[in-house]
N, C-alpha and C. Protein backbone atom coordinates (compact mmCIF):
# COMPACT_ATOMS: atom_id res chain seq x y z
N MET A 1 17.22 15.29 -8.55
CA MET A 1 16.82 16.02 -9.74
C MET A 1 15.31 16.29 -9.68
N GLN A 2 14.96 17.54 -9.80
CA GLN A 2 13.56 17.93 -9.78
C GLN A 2 13.13 18.36 -11.17
N LEU A 3 11.85 18.11 -11.46
CA LEU A 3 11.30 18.52 -12.74
C LEU A 3 10.67 19.90 -12.61
N GLY A 4 11.04 20.77 -13.50
CA GLY A 4 10.47 22.11 -13.51
C GLY A 4 9.22 22.14 -14.38
N PRO A 5 8.58 23.30 -14.44
CA PRO A 5 7.35 23.43 -15.23
C PRO A 5 7.58 23.17 -16.73
N THR A 6 8.73 23.56 -17.25
CA THR A 6 9.01 23.34 -18.67
C THR A 6 9.11 21.85 -18.98
N GLU A 7 9.79 21.10 -18.12
CA GLU A 7 9.93 19.67 -18.34
C GLU A 7 8.59 18.96 -18.23
N LEU A 8 7.76 19.37 -17.26
CA LEU A 8 6.45 18.75 -17.10
C LEU A 8 5.55 19.01 -18.32
N LEU A 9 5.60 20.22 -18.85
CA LEU A 9 4.82 20.52 -20.06
C LEU A 9 5.31 19.71 -21.26
N LEU A 10 6.61 19.52 -21.36
CA LEU A 10 7.16 18.73 -22.45
C LEU A 10 6.72 17.27 -22.34
N ILE A 11 6.75 16.73 -21.14
CA ILE A 11 6.29 15.35 -20.92
C ILE A 11 4.81 15.22 -21.25
N LEU A 12 4.00 16.18 -20.80
CA LEU A 12 2.56 16.16 -21.10
C LEU A 12 2.31 16.22 -22.60
N PHE A 13 3.06 17.03 -23.30
CA PHE A 13 2.92 17.15 -24.75
C PHE A 13 3.26 15.83 -25.45
N ILE A 14 4.32 15.18 -25.02
CA ILE A 14 4.73 13.90 -25.62
C ILE A 14 3.68 12.83 -25.36
N VAL A 15 3.14 12.79 -24.14
CA VAL A 15 2.10 11.81 -23.81
C VAL A 15 0.86 12.04 -24.66
N MET A 16 0.48 13.29 -24.86
CA MET A 16 -0.69 13.60 -25.69
C MET A 16 -0.45 13.19 -27.14
N LEU A 17 0.77 13.35 -27.62
CA LEU A 17 1.06 12.92 -28.99
C LEU A 17 1.00 11.41 -29.12
N LEU A 18 1.48 10.70 -28.13
CA LEU A 18 1.51 9.24 -28.20
C LEU A 18 0.12 8.63 -28.08
N PHE A 19 -0.66 9.09 -27.13
CA PHE A 19 -1.93 8.44 -26.83
C PHE A 19 -3.14 9.15 -27.41
N GLY A 20 -3.07 10.42 -27.64
CA GLY A 20 -4.20 11.18 -28.13
C GLY A 20 -5.06 11.69 -26.99
N VAL A 21 -5.73 12.79 -27.21
CA VAL A 21 -6.52 13.43 -26.16
C VAL A 21 -7.71 12.58 -25.75
N GLY A 22 -8.36 11.94 -26.70
CA GLY A 22 -9.54 11.14 -26.41
C GLY A 22 -9.23 9.97 -25.49
N ARG A 23 -8.14 9.29 -25.76
CA ARG A 23 -7.77 8.14 -24.93
C ARG A 23 -7.36 8.58 -23.53
N ILE A 24 -6.67 9.70 -23.42
CA ILE A 24 -6.25 10.19 -22.11
C ILE A 24 -7.48 10.58 -21.28
N SER A 25 -8.45 11.23 -21.89
CA SER A 25 -9.65 11.62 -21.14
C SER A 25 -10.45 10.39 -20.72
N LYS A 26 -10.48 9.36 -21.56
CA LYS A 26 -11.18 8.12 -21.21
C LYS A 26 -10.51 7.46 -20.01
N VAL A 27 -9.19 7.40 -20.02
CA VAL A 27 -8.46 6.80 -18.90
C VAL A 27 -8.68 7.62 -17.63
N GLY A 28 -8.69 8.94 -17.76
CA GLY A 28 -8.92 9.80 -16.60
C GLY A 28 -10.30 9.60 -16.00
N SER A 29 -11.31 9.47 -16.84
CA SER A 29 -12.66 9.27 -16.31
C SER A 29 -12.80 7.90 -15.67
N GLU A 30 -12.16 6.88 -16.25
CA GLU A 30 -12.20 5.54 -15.65
C GLU A 30 -11.48 5.54 -14.31
N LEU A 31 -10.37 6.23 -14.23
CA LEU A 31 -9.64 6.31 -12.97
C LEU A 31 -10.46 7.04 -11.91
N GLY A 32 -11.14 8.11 -12.31
CA GLY A 32 -11.99 8.84 -11.37
C GLY A 32 -13.15 8.00 -10.86
N SER A 33 -13.78 7.24 -11.75
CA SER A 33 -14.89 6.39 -11.28
C SER A 33 -14.38 5.25 -10.41
N ALA A 34 -13.18 4.76 -10.68
CA ALA A 34 -12.60 3.71 -9.84
C ALA A 34 -12.33 4.23 -8.43
N VAL A 35 -11.81 5.43 -8.33
CA VAL A 35 -11.55 6.03 -7.02
C VAL A 35 -12.87 6.28 -6.29
N ALA A 36 -13.88 6.75 -6.99
CA ALA A 36 -15.19 6.99 -6.37
C ALA A 36 -15.80 5.69 -5.86
N ASN A 37 -15.71 4.62 -6.65
CA ASN A 37 -16.23 3.33 -6.21
C ASN A 37 -15.44 2.78 -5.02
N PHE A 38 -14.14 3.00 -5.00
CA PHE A 38 -13.31 2.56 -3.89
C PHE A 38 -13.71 3.28 -2.60
N ARG A 39 -13.90 4.59 -2.68
CA ARG A 39 -14.33 5.37 -1.51
C ARG A 39 -15.72 4.94 -1.04
N LYS A 40 -16.61 4.67 -2.00
CA LYS A 40 -17.95 4.22 -1.65
C LYS A 40 -17.88 2.87 -0.94
N GLY A 41 -17.02 1.99 -1.41
CA GLY A 41 -16.85 0.70 -0.77
C GLY A 41 -16.30 0.81 0.64
N LEU A 42 -15.39 1.75 0.85
CA LEU A 42 -14.85 1.97 2.20
C LEU A 42 -15.94 2.47 3.14
N ASN A 43 -16.78 3.37 2.66
CA ASN A 43 -17.85 3.91 3.50
C ASN A 43 -18.94 2.87 3.76
N ASP A 44 -19.21 2.01 2.80
CA ASP A 44 -20.22 0.97 2.98
C ASP A 44 -19.78 -0.03 4.04
N GLY A 45 -18.51 -0.26 4.16
CA GLY A 45 -18.01 -1.21 5.15
C GLY A 45 -18.10 -0.69 6.57
N LYS A 46 -18.17 0.61 6.75
CA LYS A 46 -18.21 1.20 8.09
C LYS A 46 -19.60 1.16 8.71
N THR A 47 -20.63 1.25 7.89
CA THR A 47 -21.99 1.28 8.42
C THR A 47 -22.60 -0.11 8.29
N PRO A 48 -23.19 -0.65 9.37
CA PRO A 48 -23.80 -1.97 9.28
C PRO A 48 -25.08 -1.91 8.46
N PRO A 49 -25.44 -2.99 7.81
CA PRO A 49 -26.70 -3.02 7.06
C PRO A 49 -27.88 -2.79 7.99
N ALA A 50 -28.98 -2.30 7.48
CA ALA A 50 -30.15 -1.95 8.30
C ALA A 50 -30.71 -3.16 9.03
N GLY A 51 -30.70 -4.33 8.41
CA GLY A 51 -31.24 -5.52 9.03
C GLY A 51 -30.43 -5.97 10.24
N GLU A 52 -29.12 -5.83 10.19
CA GLU A 52 -28.26 -6.24 11.30
C GLU A 52 -28.48 -5.37 12.53
N GLU A 53 -28.69 -4.09 12.33
CA GLU A 53 -28.87 -3.17 13.45
C GLU A 53 -30.13 -3.52 14.24
N LYS A 54 -31.21 -3.86 13.54
CA LYS A 54 -32.47 -4.20 14.21
C LYS A 54 -32.35 -5.53 14.95
N GLU A 55 -31.61 -6.49 14.39
CA GLU A 55 -31.46 -7.80 15.02
C GLU A 55 -30.69 -7.71 16.33
N LYS A 56 -29.72 -6.83 16.42
CA LYS A 56 -28.92 -6.67 17.63
C LYS A 56 -29.75 -6.10 18.77
N ASN A 57 -30.72 -5.26 18.46
CA ASN A 57 -31.56 -4.66 19.49
C ASN A 57 -32.56 -5.64 20.07
N ASN A 58 -32.93 -6.69 19.38
CA ASN A 58 -33.92 -7.68 19.86
C ASN A 58 -33.30 -8.66 20.79
């Protein structure tokens, strides 16, 4: 069973009625910042800290 555009709009409308637009936008922004922090953490793990790189060369 696949959901069509009409069903998706109906579900979105019901969710907005239950939670309100303000709460949904707050959850969306928190989710976005969590994903951004997760990606930043992944990138930080790939590059060694500046102090470690200099110690290896000595």
